[in-house]
Amino acid sequence: MNQAIHFPDREIWDEDKQAVCFPALVNGVQLICAIKSEVLLRRFGGAVPLEVFKDNRWDLEEEASDLIRDQQEDDQGWIWIS
């Protein structure tokens, strides 16, 4: 499947989900991608999830792209990086 995937720099911290959430535009349609803070900090270290995300943005966007291509959305249409 040939998809154009773009990641605008609009990540946010979602307190309720305890996750960094960031949009992906797939052929003009927006999907939400996310990674739980515990996963993010365990994988990359650090203390402030949003800063850790920004420092590792390229790797995380690459993982999200792979999940999007593999159609790994959850029931709500979100892509969760584990």
PDB file of N, CA and C in Angstrom:
ATOM      1  N   MET A   1       0.850  -1.170   0.000  1.00  0.00           N
ATOM      2  CA  MET A   1       0.000   0.000   0.000  1.00  0.00           C
ATOM      3  C   MET A   1       0.899   1.238   0.000  1.00  0.00           C
ATOM      4  N   ASN A   2       0.721   2.124  -0.945  1.00  0.00           N
ATOM      5  CA  ASN A   2       1.511   3.334  -1.048  1.00  0.00           C
ATOM      6  C   ASN A   2       0.765   4.471  -0.355  1.00  0.00           C
ATOM      7  N   GLN A   3       1.248   4.872   0.821  1.00  0.00           N
ATOM      8  CA  GLN A   3       0.585   5.918   1.579  1.00  0.00           C
ATOM      9  C   GLN A   3       1.548   7.063   1.830  1.00  0.00           C
ATOM     10  N   ALA A   4       1.051   8.270   1.695  1.00  0.00           N
ATOM     11  CA  ALA A   4       1.810   9.448   2.075  1.00  0.00           C
ATOM     12  C   ALA A   4       1.504   9.726   3.545  1.00  0.00           C
ATOM     13  N   ILE A   5       2.519   9.624   4.405  1.00  0.00           N
ATOM     14  CA  ILE A   5       2.341   9.824   5.841  1.00  0.00           C
ATOM     15  C   ILE A   5       3.196  11.016   6.262  1.00  0.00           C
ATOM     16  N   HIS A   6       2.550  11.980   6.918  1.00  0.00           N
ATOM     17  CA  HIS A   6       3.235  13.177   7.400  1.00  0.00           C
ATOM     18  C   HIS A   6       2.923  13.348   8.881  1.00  0.00           C
ATOM     19  N   PHE A   7       3.905  13.854   9.620  1.00  0.00           N
ATOM     20  CA  PHE A   7       3.754  14.067  11.051  1.00  0.00           C
ATOM     21  C   PHE A   7       3.978  15.543  11.375  1.00  0.00           C
ATOM     22  N   PRO A   8       2.891  16.314  11.532  1.00  0.00           N
ATOM     23  CA  PRO A   8       3.059  17.711  11.938  1.00  0.00           C
ATOM     24  C   PRO A   8       3.633  17.773  13.358  1.00  0.00           C
ATOM     25  N   ASP A   9       4.367  18.830  13.665  1.00  0.00           N
ATOM     26  CA  ASP A   9       4.944  18.996  15.005  1.00  0.00           C
ATOM     27  C   ASP A   9       3.882  19.538  15.961  1.00  0.00           C
ATOM     28  N   ARG A  10       2.930  18.678  16.326  1.00  0.00           N
ATOM     29  CA  ARG A  10       1.835  19.097  17.212  1.00  0.00           C
ATOM     30  C   ARG A  10       1.596  18.067  18.300  1.00  0.00           C
ATOM     31  N   GLU A  11       2.662  17.558  18.888  1.00  0.00           N
ATOM     32  CA  GLU A  11       2.514  16.574  19.952  1.00  0.00           C
ATOM     33  C   GLU A  11       2.017  17.255  21.231  1.00  0.00           C
ATOM     34  N   ILE A  12       1.269  16.505  22.021  1.00  0.00           N
ATOM     35  CA  ILE A  12       0.742  17.011  23.292  1.00  0.00           C
ATOM     36  C   ILE A  12       0.890  15.933  24.359  1.00  0.00           C
ATOM     37  N   TRP A  13       0.872  16.371  25.599  1.00  0.00           N
ATOM     38  CA  TRP A  13       0.818  15.458  26.730  1.00  0.00           C
ATOM     39  C   TRP A  13      -0.645  15.297  27.119  1.00  0.00           C
ATOM     40  N   ASP A  14      -1.149  14.064  27.145  1.00  0.00           N
ATOM     41  CA  ASP A  14      -2.526  13.780  27.545  1.00  0.00           C
ATOM     42  C   ASP A  14      -2.487  13.209  28.958  1.00  0.00           C
ATOM     43  N   GLU A  15      -2.907  14.026  29.902  1.00  0.00           N
ATOM     44  CA  GLU A  15      -2.853  13.635  31.322  1.00  0.00           C
ATOM     45  C   GLU A  15      -3.732  12.425  31.606  1.00  0.00           C
ATOM     46  N   ASP A  16      -4.926  12.386  31.021  1.00  0.00           N
ATOM     47  CA  ASP A  16      -5.849  11.274  31.262  1.00  0.00           C
ATOM     48  C   ASP A  16      -5.278   9.942  30.775  1.00  0.00           C
ATOM     49  N   LYS A  17      -4.644   9.955  29.632  1.00  0.00           N
ATOM     50  CA  LYS A  17      -4.095   8.726  29.059  1.00  0.00           C
ATOM     51  C   LYS A  17      -2.670   8.459  29.525  1.00  0.00           C
ATOM     52  N   GLN A  18      -2.049   9.464  30.181  1.00  0.00           N
ATOM     53  CA  GLN A  18      -0.645   9.370  30.597  1.00  0.00           C
ATOM     54  C   GLN A  18       0.220   8.989  29.397  1.00  0.00           C
ATOM     55  N   ALA A  19       0.022   9.746  28.308  1.00  0.00           N
ATOM     56  CA  ALA A  19       0.693   9.429  27.050  1.00  0.00           C
ATOM     57  C   ALA A  19       0.992  10.707  26.273  1.00  0.00           C
ATOM     58  N   VAL A  20       2.032  10.626  25.454  1.00  0.00           N
ATOM     59  CA  VAL A  20       2.287  11.666  24.470  1.00  0.00           C
ATOM     60  C   VAL A  20       1.496  11.278  23.220  1.00  0.00           C
ATOM     61  N   CYS A  21       0.688  12.197  22.740  1.00  0.00           N
ATOM     62  CA  CYS A  21      -0.150  11.960  21.560  1.00  0.00           C
ATOM     63  C   CYS A  21       0.307  12.898  20.446  1.00  0.00           C
ATOM     64  N   PHE A  22       0.317  12.373  19.222  1.00  0.00           N
ATOM     65  CA  PHE A  22       0.758  13.186  18.094  1.00  0.00           C
ATOM     66  C   PHE A  22       0.003  12.763  16.840  1.00  0.00           C
ATOM     67  N   PRO A  23      -0.321  13.756  15.987  1.00  0.00           N
ATOM     68  CA  PRO A  23      -1.106  13.445  14.793  1.00  0.00           C
ATOM     69  C   PRO A  23      -0.244  12.911  13.658  1.00  0.00           C
ATOM     70  N   ALA A  24      -0.880  12.116  12.821  1.00  0.00           N
ATOM     71  CA  ALA A  24      -0.290  11.668  11.564  1.00  0.00           C
ATOM     72  C   ALA A  24      -1.317  11.964  10.476  1.00  0.00           C
ATOM     73  N   LEU A  25      -0.854  12.529   9.389  1.00  0.00           N
ATOM     74  CA  LEU A  25      -1.727  12.757   8.238  1.00  0.00           C
ATOM     75  C   LEU A  25      -1.418  11.686   7.213  1.00  0.00           C
ATOM     76  N   VAL A  26      -2.435  10.859   6.938  1.00  0.00           N
ATOM     77  CA  VAL A  26      -2.277   9.746   6.003  1.00  0.00           C
ATOM     78  C   VAL A  26      -3.175  10.027   4.806  1.00  0.00           C
ATOM     79  N   ASN A  27      -2.544  10.388   3.696  1.00  0.00           N
ATOM     80  CA  ASN A  27      -3.299  10.769   2.498  1.00  0.00           C
ATOM     81  C   ASN A  27      -4.371  11.806   2.824  1.00  0.00           C
ATOM     82  N   GLY A  28      -4.016  12.769   3.681  1.00  0.00           N
ATOM     83  CA  GLY A  28      -4.925  13.853   4.042  1.00  0.00           C
ATOM     84  C   GLY A  28      -5.868  13.560   5.193  1.00  0.00           C
ATOM     85  N   VAL A  29      -5.908  12.328   5.679  1.00  0.00           N
ATOM     86  CA  VAL A  29      -6.776  11.949   6.798  1.00  0.00           C
ATOM     87  C   VAL A  29      -5.931  11.915   8.071  1.00  0.00           C
ATOM     88  N   GLN A  30      -6.454  12.533   9.151  1.00  0.00           N
ATOM     89  CA  GLN A  30      -5.697  12.562  10.393  1.00  0.00           C
ATOM     90  C   GLN A  30      -5.951  11.337  11.249  1.00  0.00           C
ATOM     91  N   LEU A  31      -4.871  10.727  11.708  1.00  0.00           N
ATOM     92  CA  LEU A  31      -4.900   9.664  12.713  1.00  0.00           C
ATOM     93  C   LEU A  31      -4.180  10.187  13.946  1.00  0.00           C
ATOM     94  N   ILE A  32      -4.503   9.639  15.096  1.00  0.00           N
ATOM     95  CA  ILE A  32      -3.778   9.994  16.313  1.00  0.00           C
ATOM     96  C   ILE A  32      -2.878   8.826  16.693  1.00  0.00           C
ATOM     97  N   CYS A  33      -1.619   9.150  16.945  1.00  0.00           N
ATOM     98  CA  CYS A  33      -0.635   8.179  17.416  1.00  0.00           C
ATOM     99  C   CYS A  33      -0.313   8.523  18.863  1.00  0.00           C
ATOM    100  N   ALA A  34       0.087   7.527  19.638  1.00  0.00           N
ATOM    101  CA  ALA A  34       0.392   7.784  21.043  1.00  0.00           C
ATOM    102  C   ALA A  34       1.382   6.760  21.565  1.00  0.00           C
ATOM    103  N   ILE A  35       2.076   7.178  22.633  1.00  0.00           N
ATOM    104  CA  ILE A  35       2.951   6.283  23.369  1.00  0.00           C
ATOM    105  C   ILE A  35       2.810   6.619  24.843  1.00  0.00           C
ATOM    106  N   LYS A  36       2.565   5.600  25.656  1.00  0.00           N
ATOM    107  CA  LYS A  36       2.420   5.775  27.099  1.00  0.00           C
ATOM    108  C   LYS A  36       3.737   6.263  27.690  1.00  0.00           C
ATOM    109  N   SER A  37       3.647   7.114  28.710  1.00  0.00           N
ATOM    110  CA  SER A  37       4.861   7.667  29.313  1.00  0.00           C
ATOM    111  C   SER A  37       5.758   6.578  29.869  1.00  0.00           C
ATOM    112  N   GLU A  38       5.186   5.545  30.500  1.00  0.00           N
ATOM    113  CA  GLU A  38       6.028   4.489  31.075  1.00  0.00           C
ATOM    114  C   GLU A  38       6.823   3.762  29.995  1.00  0.00           C
ATOM    115  N   VAL A  39       6.215   3.551  28.827  1.00  0.00           N
ATOM    116  CA  VAL A  39       6.913   2.901  27.713  1.00  0.00           C
ATOM    117  C   VAL A  39       8.013   3.822  27.189  1.00  0.00           C
ATOM    118  N   LEU A  40       7.674   5.071  26.999  1.00  0.00           N
ATOM    119  CA  LEU A  40       8.618   6.052  26.470  1.00  0.00           C
ATOM    120  C   LEU A  40       9.841   6.187  27.375  1.00  0.00           C
ATOM    121  N   LEU A  41       9.601   6.359  28.672  1.00  0.00           N
ATOM    122  CA  LEU A  41      10.712   6.559  29.611  1.00  0.00           C
ATOM    123  C   LEU A  41      11.519   5.281  29.810  1.00  0.00           C
ATOM    124  N   ARG A  42      10.867   4.133  29.771  1.00  0.00           N
ATOM    125  CA  ARG A  42      11.592   2.865  29.896  1.00  0.00           C
ATOM    126  C   ARG A  42      12.517   2.655  28.696  1.00  0.00           C
ATOM    127  N   ARG A  43      12.026   2.981  27.524  1.00  0.00           N
ATOM    128  CA  ARG A  43      12.811   2.754  26.303  1.00  0.00           C
ATOM    129  C   ARG A  43      13.945   3.749  26.121  1.00  0.00           C
ATOM    130  N   PHE A  44      13.695   5.032  26.456  1.00  0.00           N
ATOM    131  CA  PHE A  44      14.661   6.070  26.131  1.00  0.00           C
ATOM    132  C   PHE A  44      15.282   6.754  27.340  1.00  0.00           C
ATOM    133  N   GLY A  45      14.778   6.473  28.543  1.00  0.00           N
ATOM    134  CA  GLY A  45      15.286   7.173  29.720  1.00  0.00           C
ATOM    135  C   GLY A  45      14.690   8.563  29.806  1.00  0.00           C
ATOM    136  N   GLY A  46      15.222   9.365  30.714  1.00  0.00           N
ATOM    137  CA  GLY A  46      14.728  10.718  30.885  1.00  0.00           C
ATOM    138  C   GLY A  46      13.642  10.786  31.931  1.00  0.00           C
ATOM    139  N   ALA A  47      13.088  11.990  32.101  1.00  0.00           N
ATOM    140  CA  ALA A  47      12.095  12.200  33.151  1.00  0.00           C
ATOM    141  C   ALA A  47      10.833  12.917  32.672  1.00  0.00           C
ATOM    142  N   VAL A  48      10.942  13.700  31.601  1.00  0.00           N
ATOM    143  CA  VAL A  48       9.805  14.486  31.117  1.00  0.00           C
ATOM    144  C   VAL A  48       9.367  13.908  29.767  1.00  0.00           C
ATOM    145  N   PRO A  49       8.217  13.212  29.750  1.00  0.00           N
ATOM    146  CA  PRO A  49       7.811  12.491  28.538  1.00  0.00           C
ATOM    147  C   PRO A  49       7.796  13.327  27.255  1.00  0.00           C
ATOM    148  N   LEU A  50       7.291  14.535  27.307  1.00  0.00           N
ATOM    149  CA  LEU A  50       7.211  15.349  26.092  1.00  0.00           C
ATOM    150  C   LEU A  50       8.614  15.686  25.566  1.00  0.00           C
ATOM    151  N   GLU A  51       9.541  15.966  26.466  1.00  0.00           N
ATOM    152  CA  GLU A  51      10.921  16.243  26.050  1.00  0.00           C
ATOM    153  C   GLU A  51      11.580  14.993  25.474  1.00  0.00           C
ATOM    154  N   VAL A  52      11.345  13.838  26.109  1.00  0.00           N
ATOM    155  CA  VAL A  52      11.909  12.576  25.616  1.00  0.00           C
ATOM    156  C   VAL A  52      11.355  12.274  24.225  1.00  0.00           C
ATOM    157  N   PHE A  53      10.057  12.517  24.036  1.00  0.00           N
ATOM    158  CA  PHE A  53       9.455  12.312  22.719  1.00  0.00           C
ATOM    159  C   PHE A  53      10.157  13.195  21.681  1.00  0.00           C
ATOM    160  N   LYS A  54      10.310  14.472  21.984  1.00  0.00           N
ATOM    161  CA  LYS A  54      10.930  15.398  21.028  1.00  0.00           C
ATOM    162  C   LYS A  54      12.355  14.975  20.686  1.00  0.00           C
ATOM    163  N   ASP A  55      13.087  14.485  21.680  1.00  0.00           N
ATOM    164  CA  ASP A  55      14.464  14.042  21.448  1.00  0.00           C
ATOM    165  C   ASP A  55      14.542  12.789  20.579  1.00  0.00           C
ATOM    166  N   ASN A  56      13.458  12.003  20.548  1.00  0.00           N
ATOM    167  CA  ASN A  56      13.444  10.732  19.815  1.00  0.00           C
ATOM    168  C   ASN A  56      12.376  10.701  18.736  1.00  0.00           C
ATOM    169  N   ARG A  57      11.946  11.883  18.325  1.00  0.00           N
ATOM    170  CA  ARG A  57      10.845  12.025  17.363  1.00  0.00           C
ATOM    171  C   ARG A  57      11.022  11.166  16.120  1.00  0.00           C
ATOM    172  N   TRP A  58      12.198  11.189  15.486  1.00  0.00           N
ATOM    173  CA  TRP A  58      12.380  10.506  14.211  1.00  0.00           C
ATOM    174  C   TRP A  58      12.181   9.004  14.348  1.00  0.00           C
ATOM    175  N   ASP A  59      12.736   8.414  15.403  1.00  0.00           N
ATOM    176  CA  ASP A  59      12.562   6.968  15.616  1.00  0.00           C
ATOM    177  C   ASP A  59      11.106   6.621  15.875  1.00  0.00           C
ATOM    178  N   LEU A  60      10.429   7.431  16.686  1.00  0.00           N
ATOM    179  CA  LEU A  60       9.030   7.152  17.024  1.00  0.00           C
ATOM    180  C   LEU A  60       8.111   7.355  15.824  1.00  0.00           C
ATOM    181  N   GLU A  61       8.379   8.357  15.012  1.00  0.00           N
ATOM    182  CA  GLU A  61       7.575   8.552  13.803  1.00  0.00           C
ATOM    183  C   GLU A  61       7.783   7.406  12.816  1.00  0.00           C
ATOM    184  N   GLU A  62       8.993   6.877  12.750  1.00  0.00           N
ATOM    185  CA  GLU A  62       9.255   5.721  11.882  1.00  0.00           C
ATOM    186  C   GLU A  62       8.468   4.500  12.352  1.00  0.00           C
ATOM    187  N   GLU A  63       8.460   4.270  13.670  1.00  0.00           N
ATOM    188  CA  GLU A  63       7.664   3.155  14.218  1.00  0.00           C
ATOM    189  C   GLU A  63       6.183   3.358  13.944  1.00  0.00           C
ATOM    190  N   ALA A  64       5.699   4.580  14.148  1.00  0.00           N
ATOM    191  CA  ALA A  64       4.284   4.874  13.888  1.00  0.00           C
ATOM    192  C   ALA A  64       3.958   4.638  12.420  1.00  0.00           C
ATOM    193  N   SER A  65       4.860   5.037  11.517  1.00  0.00           N
ATOM    194  CA  SER A  65       4.641   4.811  10.083  1.00  0.00           C
ATOM    195  C   SER A  65       4.479   3.333   9.776  1.00  0.00           C
ATOM    196  N   ASP A  66       5.340   2.511  10.375  1.00  0.00           N
ATOM    197  CA  ASP A  66       5.243   1.064  10.163  1.00  0.00           C
ATOM    198  C   ASP A  66       3.904   0.520  10.669  1.00  0.00           C
ATOM    199  N   LEU A  67       3.471   0.989  11.840  1.00  0.00           N
ATOM    200  CA  LEU A  67       2.187   0.529  12.393  1.00  0.00           C
ATOM    201  C   LEU A  67       1.016   0.982  11.521  1.00  0.00           C
ATOM    202  N   ILE A  68       1.100   2.198  11.001  1.00  0.00           N
ATOM    203  CA  ILE A  68       0.045   2.703  10.116  1.00  0.00           C
ATOM    204  C   ILE A  68      -0.016   1.850   8.849  1.00  0.00           C
ATOM    205  N   ARG A  69       1.130   1.582   8.253  1.00  0.00           N
ATOM    206  CA  ARG A  69       1.162   0.755   7.037  1.00  0.00           C
ATOM    207  C   ARG A  69       0.613  -0.648   7.291  1.00  0.00           C
ATOM    208  N   ASP A  70       0.843  -1.165   8.511  1.00  0.00           N
ATOM    209  CA  ASP A  70       0.351  -2.497   8.878  1.00  0.00           C
ATOM    210  C   ASP A  70      -1.085  -2.461   9.406  1.00  0.00           C
ATOM    211  N   GLN A  71      -1.709  -1.268   9.365  1.00  0.00           N
ATOM    212  CA  GLN A  71      -3.100  -1.080   9.801  1.00  0.00           C
ATOM    213  C   GLN A  71      -3.325  -1.579  11.224  1.00  0.00           C
ATOM    214  N   GLN A  72      -2.500  -1.103  12.152  1.00  0.00           N
ATOM    215  CA  GLN A  72      -2.551  -1.545  13.548  1.00  0.00           C
ATOM    216  C   GLN A  72      -3.348  -0.598  14.454  1.00  0.00           C
ATOM    217  N   GLU A  73      -4.389   0.034  13.918  1.00  0.00           N
ATOM    218  CA  GLU A  73      -5.217   0.926  14.723  1.00  0.00           C
ATOM    219  C   GLU A  73      -6.001   0.134  15.764  1.00  0.00           C
ATOM    220  N   ASP A  74      -6.242   0.769  16.941  1.00  0.00           N
ATOM    221  CA  ASP A  74      -7.079   0.124  17.950  1.00  0.00           C
ATOM    222  C   ASP A  74      -8.557   0.368  17.620  1.00  0.00           C
ATOM    223  N   ASP A  75      -9.449   0.008  18.528  1.00  0.00           N
ATOM    224  CA  ASP A  75     -10.892   0.135  18.286  1.00  0.00           C
ATOM    225  C   ASP A  75     -11.337   1.587  18.065  1.00  0.00           C
ATOM    226  N   GLN A  76     -10.585   2.548  18.618  1.00  0.00           N
ATOM    227  CA  GLN A  76     -10.906   3.947  18.450  1.00  0.00           C
ATOM    228  C   GLN A  76     -10.173   4.583  17.259  1.00  0.00           C
ATOM    229  N   GLY A  77      -9.407   3.787  16.548  1.00  0.00           N
ATOM    230  CA  GLY A  77      -8.684   4.294  15.394  1.00  0.00           C
ATOM    231  C   GLY A  77      -7.338   4.918  15.742  1.00  0.00           C
ATOM    232  N   TRP A  78      -6.845   4.686  16.956  1.00  0.00           N
ATOM    233  CA  TRP A  78      -5.565   5.227  17.393  1.00  0.00           C
ATOM    234  C   TRP A  78      -4.448   4.230  17.103  1.00  0.00           C
ATOM    235  N   ILE A  79      -3.245   4.763  16.886  1.00  0.00           N
ATOM    236  CA  ILE A  79      -2.036   3.966  16.728  1.00  0.00           C
ATOM    237  C   ILE A  79      -1.247   4.097  18.028  1.00  0.00           C
ATOM    238  N   TRP A  80      -1.021   2.973  18.706  1.00  0.00           N
ATOM    239  CA  TRP A  80      -0.262   2.971  19.969  1.00  0.00           C
ATOM    240  C   TRP A  80       1.092   2.329  19.754  1.00  0.00           C
ATOM    241  N   ILE A  81       2.160   3.061  20.062  1.00  0.00           N
ATOM    242  CA  ILE A  81       3.515   2.531  19.994  1.00  0.00           C
ATOM    243  C   ILE A  81       3.803   1.815  21.304  1.00  0.00           C
ATOM    244  N   SER A  82       4.320   0.594  21.206  1.00  0.00           N
ATOM    245  CA  SER A  82       4.616  -0.157  22.436  1.00  0.00           C
ATOM    246  C   SER A  82       6.093  -0.414  22.574  1.00  0.00           C
TER     247      SER A  82
END
